[in-house]
Protein backbone atom coordinates (compact mmCIF):
# COMPACT_ATOMS: atom_id res chain seq x y z
CA UNK A 1 0.03 -0.03 -0.10
CA UNK A 2 2.82 2.44 0.98
CA UNK A 3 4.52 1.65 -2.44
CA UNK A 4 1.31 2.65 -4.34
CA UNK A 5 0.95 5.86 -2.33
CA UNK A 6 4.45 6.69 -3.06
CA UNK A 7 3.98 6.00 -6.73
CA UNK A 8 0.93 8.13 -6.84
CA UNK A 9 2.58 10.96 -4.92
CA UNK A 10 5.46 10.87 -7.41
CA UNK A 11 3.07 11.05 -10.39
CA UNK A 12 1.27 13.98 -9.00
CA UNK A 13 4.50 15.79 -8.33
CA UNK A 14 5.64 15.26 -11.96
CA UNK A 15 2.11 16.18 -13.32
CA UNK A 16 2.42 19.45 -11.26
CA UNK A 17 5.63 20.35 -12.75
CA UNK A 18 4.21 19.62 -16.31
CA UNK A 19 1.10 21.79 -15.69
CA UNK A 20 3.30 24.71 -14.43
CA UNK A 21 5.63 24.72 -17.39
CA UNK A 22 2.97 23.80 -19.96
CA UNK A 23 0.70 26.69 -19.11
CA UNK A 24 3.62 29.15 -19.62
CA UNK A 25 4.93 27.70 -22.85
CA UNK A 26 4.60 28.49 -26.59
CA UNK A 27 5.00 25.72 -29.20
CA UNK A 28 8.91 25.78 -30.03
CA UNK A 29 7.97 25.51 -33.66
CA UNK A 30 6.66 28.99 -33.77
CA UNK A 31 9.37 31.44 -34.77
CA UNK A 32 8.67 35.14 -34.14
CA UNK A 33 11.12 37.39 -35.79
CA UNK A 34 12.65 41.06 -35.05
CA UNK A 35 13.02 41.71 -38.77
CA UNK A 36 9.31 42.59 -39.60
CA UNK A 37 9.87 46.27 -39.00
CA UNK A 38 12.21 46.30 -41.93
CA UNK A 39 9.60 46.45 -44.54
CA UNK A 40 10.65 46.10 -48.23
CA UNK A 41 11.35 49.28 -50.19
CA UNK A 42 7.88 48.82 -51.83
CA UNK A 43 6.18 49.32 -48.51
CA UNK A 44 2.58 50.82 -48.49
CA UNK A 45 0.60 49.87 -51.68
CA UNK A 46 3.59 47.78 -52.82
CA UNK A 47 3.05 45.21 -50.12
CA UNK A 48 -0.18 44.32 -51.88
CA UNK A 49 1.84 42.77 -54.64
CA UNK A 50 3.07 40.07 -52.27
CA UNK A 51 -0.36 38.52 -51.96
CA UNK A 52 -0.91 36.69 -55.23
CA UNK A 53 -4.14 34.60 -55.50
CA UNK A 54 -3.93 34.47 -59.22
CA UNK A 55 -0.37 33.06 -59.20
CA UNK A 56 -0.23 29.72 -61.15
CA UNK A 57 1.88 28.04 -58.43
CA UNK A 58 -0.79 29.26 -55.84
CA UNK A 59 -3.55 27.96 -58.05
CA UNK A 60 -1.71 24.55 -58.53
CA UNK A 61 -1.10 24.16 -54.80
CA UNK A 62 -4.84 24.83 -54.05
CA UNK A 63 -5.60 22.19 -56.64
CA UNK A 64 -3.33 19.77 -54.99
CA UNK A 65 -4.92 20.49 -51.49
CA UNK A 66 -8.49 20.67 -52.36
CA UNK A 67 -8.96 19.22 -55.84
CA UNK A 68 -10.30 20.87 -58.94
CA UNK A 69 -12.37 24.22 -58.65
CA UNK A 70 -14.97 25.47 -58.17
CA UNK A 71 -14.60 25.57 -54.46
CA UNK A 72 -17.54 25.74 -51.96
CA UNK A 73 -16.31 27.69 -48.90
CA UNK A 74 -16.26 25.73 -45.76
CA UNK A 75 -14.44 25.66 -42.48
CA UNK A 76 -12.95 22.18 -43.43
CA UNK A 77 -11.53 23.59 -46.62
CA UNK A 78 -10.17 26.57 -44.70
CA UNK A 79 -8.49 24.30 -42.11
CA UNK A 80 -7.11 22.02 -44.86
CA UNK A 81 -5.33 24.96 -46.51
CA UNK A 82 -3.94 26.20 -43.18
CA UNK A 83 -2.86 22.68 -42.25
CA UNK A 84 -1.14 22.30 -45.63
CA UNK A 85 0.91 25.44 -45.17
CA UNK A 86 1.97 24.53 -41.52
CA UNK A 87 2.85 20.92 -42.53
CA UNK A 88 4.66 21.53 -45.83
CA UNK A 89 6.68 24.64 -45.39
CA UNK A 90 9.65 24.71 -43.09
CA UNK A 91 10.87 27.59 -41.08
CA UNK A 92 14.05 29.15 -42.19
CA UNK A 93 15.25 32.65 -41.40
CA UNK A 94 16.15 35.08 -44.17
CA UNK A 95 19.60 35.10 -42.78
CA UNK A 96 19.99 31.41 -43.35
CA UNK A 97 18.38 31.62 -46.71
CA UNK A 98 19.32 34.93 -48.28
CA UNK A 99 21.91 36.43 -45.95
CA UNK A 100 19.76 39.41 -45.52
CA UNK A 101 16.17 40.50 -44.82
CA UNK A 102 14.07 39.44 -47.80
CA UNK A 103 10.38 39.05 -48.53
CA UNK A 104 9.76 35.89 -50.59
CA UNK A 105 6.85 35.77 -53.07
CA UNK A 106 4.37 32.85 -52.60
CA UNK A 107 5.83 31.39 -55.83
CA UNK A 108 9.29 31.41 -54.15
CA UNK A 109 8.20 30.02 -50.84
CA UNK A 110 6.36 27.09 -52.66
CA UNK A 111 9.49 26.48 -54.74
CA UNK A 112 11.92 26.39 -51.72
CA UNK A 113 9.34 24.94 -49.27
CA UNK A 114 10.84 27.17 -46.68
CA UNK A 115 10.41 30.73 -45.44
CA UNK A 116 10.04 32.90 -42.21
CA UNK A 117 7.03 34.27 -40.56
CA UNK A 118 6.04 36.80 -43.25
CA UNK A 119 6.50 34.19 -45.97
CA UNK A 120 4.28 31.77 -44.15
CA UNK A 121 1.63 34.61 -43.63
CA UNK A 122 1.78 35.82 -47.46
CA UNK A 123 1.42 32.21 -48.67
CA UNK A 124 -1.45 31.41 -46.50
CA UNK A 125 -3.34 34.69 -47.21
CA UNK A 126 -2.74 34.11 -51.12
CA UNK A 127 -4.15 30.61 -50.81
CA UNK A 128 -7.14 31.66 -48.82
CA UNK A 129 -7.86 34.50 -51.29
CA UNK A 130 -7.45 31.94 -54.17
CA UNK A 131 -9.80 29.72 -52.30
CA UNK A 132 -12.45 32.57 -52.43
CA UNK A 133 -12.18 34.43 -49.10
CA UNK A 134 -13.29 37.85 -49.64
CA UNK A 135 -10.49 40.56 -49.51
CA UNK A 136 -12.22 42.38 -46.66
CA UNK A 137 -12.11 39.28 -44.56
CA UNK A 138 -8.47 38.10 -44.62
CA UNK A 139 -5.18 40.03 -44.21
CA UNK A 140 -1.41 39.53 -43.63
CA UNK A 141 -0.80 41.33 -40.27
CA UNK A 142 2.41 42.68 -39.09
CA UNK A 143 2.75 43.43 -35.32
CA UNK A 144 5.15 44.20 -32.51
CA UNK A 145 5.07 43.20 -28.77
CA UNK A 146 6.01 45.19 -25.74
CA UNK A 147 9.73 44.21 -26.17
CA UNK A 148 9.70 45.52 -29.77
CA UNK A 149 9.93 42.05 -31.25
CA UNK A 150 8.00 41.77 -34.65
CA UNK A 151 5.92 38.97 -35.99
CA UNK A 152 3.63 38.32 -39.09
CA UNK A 153 0.56 36.39 -39.03
CA UNK A 154 -2.97 36.28 -40.63
CA UNK A 155 -6.13 37.94 -39.48
CA UNK A 156 -9.56 36.78 -40.68
CA UNK A 157 -13.25 37.33 -39.86
CA UNK A 158 -14.64 34.76 -42.42
CA UNK A 159 -14.90 31.98 -39.84
CA UNK A 160 -17.03 34.20 -37.73
CA UNK A 161 -18.18 37.37 -39.36
CA UNK A 162 -17.52 40.41 -37.38
CA UNK A 163 -15.40 38.46 -34.85
CA UNK A 164 -11.72 38.91 -36.11
CA UNK A 165 -9.46 36.06 -35.31
CA UNK A 166 -5.68 35.92 -35.25
CA UNK A 167 -4.08 32.89 -37.09
CA UNK A 168 -0.61 31.44 -36.72
CA UNK A 169 0.34 30.21 -40.22
CA UNK A 170 3.22 28.10 -38.71
CA UNK A 171 0.62 26.00 -36.75
CA UNK A 172 -2.08 23.76 -38.06
CA UNK A 173 -5.75 24.36 -37.20
CA UNK A 174 -5.72 21.37 -35.02
CA UNK A 175 -3.25 18.75 -33.84
CA UNK A 176 -3.94 15.58 -35.85
CA UNK A 177 -3.40 13.51 -32.77
CA UNK A 178 -2.37 14.77 -29.14
CA UNK A 179 -1.66 13.30 -25.68
CA UNK A 180 -2.87 14.78 -22.49
CA UNK A 181 0.63 16.46 -22.14
CA UNK A 182 0.43 18.09 -25.53
CA UNK A 183 -3.03 19.44 -24.66
CA UNK A 184 -1.43 21.72 -21.99
CA UNK A 185 0.56 23.73 -24.54
CA UNK A 186 -0.61 27.20 -25.09
CA UNK A 187 -2.69 27.86 -28.08
CA UNK A 188 -0.48 29.41 -30.76
CA UNK A 189 -3.38 31.57 -32.13
CA UNK A 190 -3.93 33.03 -28.60
CA UNK A 191 -0.13 33.83 -28.25
CA UNK A 192 -0.63 36.34 -31.10
CA UNK A 193 -2.74 38.60 -28.74
CA UNK A 194 0.57 40.22 -27.32
CA UNK A 195 1.32 41.87 -30.66
CA UNK A 196 -0.02 45.27 -31.62
CA UNK A 197 -0.93 45.30 -35.19
CA UNK A 198 0.88 48.06 -37.12
CA UNK A 199 0.12 47.03 -40.66
CA UNK A 200 -2.40 44.77 -42.56
CA UNK A 201 -2.61 44.08 -46.21
CA UNK A 202 -3.83 41.72 -48.87
CA UNK A 203 -3.90 41.98 -52.80
CA UNK A 204 -6.57 44.73 -52.71
CA UNK A 205 -6.26 46.65 -49.26
CA UNK A 206 -3.47 48.20 -47.32
CA UNK A 207 -3.93 49.62 -43.91
CA UNK A 208 -1.35 50.87 -41.16
CA UNK A 209 -1.62 52.16 -37.65
CA UNK A 210 -1.40 55.87 -38.72
CA UNK A 211 -5.15 55.71 -39.76
CA UNK A 212 -6.37 54.02 -36.57
CA UNK A 213 -7.94 51.25 -38.68
CA UNK A 214 -6.89 48.64 -36.08
CA UNK A 215 -8.08 50.31 -32.91
CA UNK A 216 -10.87 47.79 -32.73
CA UNK A 217 -8.27 44.88 -32.78
CA UNK A 218 -6.90 46.24 -29.50
CA UNK A 219 -10.38 46.42 -28.00
CA UNK A 220 -10.69 42.64 -28.79
CA UNK A 221 -7.26 41.68 -27.30
CA UNK A 222 -8.53 41.02 -23.79
CA UNK A 223 -11.40 39.11 -25.04
CA UNK A 224 -9.02 36.84 -27.12
CA UNK A 225 -6.55 36.50 -24.18
CA UNK A 226 -9.31 35.34 -21.86
CA UNK A 227 -10.69 32.93 -24.49
CA UNK A 228 -7.21 31.41 -24.91
CA UNK A 229 -6.83 31.12 -21.02
CA UNK A 230 -10.14 29.49 -20.82
CA UNK A 231 -9.27 26.98 -23.49
CA UNK A 232 -6.02 26.26 -21.77
CA UNK A 233 -7.74 25.79 -18.39
CA UNK A 234 -10.29 23.49 -19.94
CA UNK A 235 -7.67 21.32 -21.48
CA UNK A 236 -5.87 21.25 -18.25
CA UNK A 237 -8.95 19.96 -16.37
CA UNK A 238 -9.47 17.27 -18.91
CA UNK A 239 -5.80 16.28 -18.41
CA UNK A 240 -6.20 16.25 -14.58
CA UNK A 241 -9.39 14.15 -14.86
CA UNK A 242 -7.55 11.68 -17.03
CA UNK A 243 -4.58 11.33 -14.71
CA UNK A 244 -6.90 11.09 -11.59
CA UNK A 245 -8.65 8.16 -13.14
CA UNK A 246 -5.38 6.55 -13.96
CA UNK A 247 -4.15 7.00 -10.36
CA UNK A 248 -7.29 5.77 -8.81
CA UNK A 249 -7.03 2.72 -11.02
CA UNK A 250 -3.65 2.12 -9.59
CA UNK A 251 -4.78 2.63 -6.15
CA UNK A 252 -7.66 0.21 -6.25
CA UNK A 253 -6.28 -2.46 -8.65
């Protein structure tokens, strides 16, 4: 009996350490970068040229992911596109690939199958626009956190009209399979709340923080942070429940 109690105590101690570390972590596969502030010389309307839904390589990739058009917009299709980008493009910094800060076109990213955060974001936005998401509903967003670190991601309100979501292109929509330990990791999308959006664009529109267009994004930041926290707590509760059942099984077996 004492042996079982010791085993249970040890499991609880290890689980406590995992919970503590898991709630404060972001997936190590996500790579923010400090180079976002260095916009290409074609900044302003020139940024729109990077999002290319009509590019042949983008169209062919969309065909490979979803099959032949026409496409009926669905959350499943949206997630499949997002998952494809996260699963088939590897992160590689501009310094490693080019030796300097460089914004790749979607065609270059598809050819190289590598890119940094803005390359992931430009490609995902291009694919979603090619899929048929309206230009008013999906943008590449550039932001900075309180420490001045920059990051690029995607924002969209197609999934829930009027409710803008921040999307981490380097992370899939859902883990294809997960253990109770993985469920404790912070949601990569929720981690994007710490970035103040300074610029947003697609192939049609361009906005920056000078015109106050993204003031409403700030108003929603606390809501998103709370939602992310609630989701994490919910996952942790499920994990605790599973471990409790396991320990009770050991105790009474």
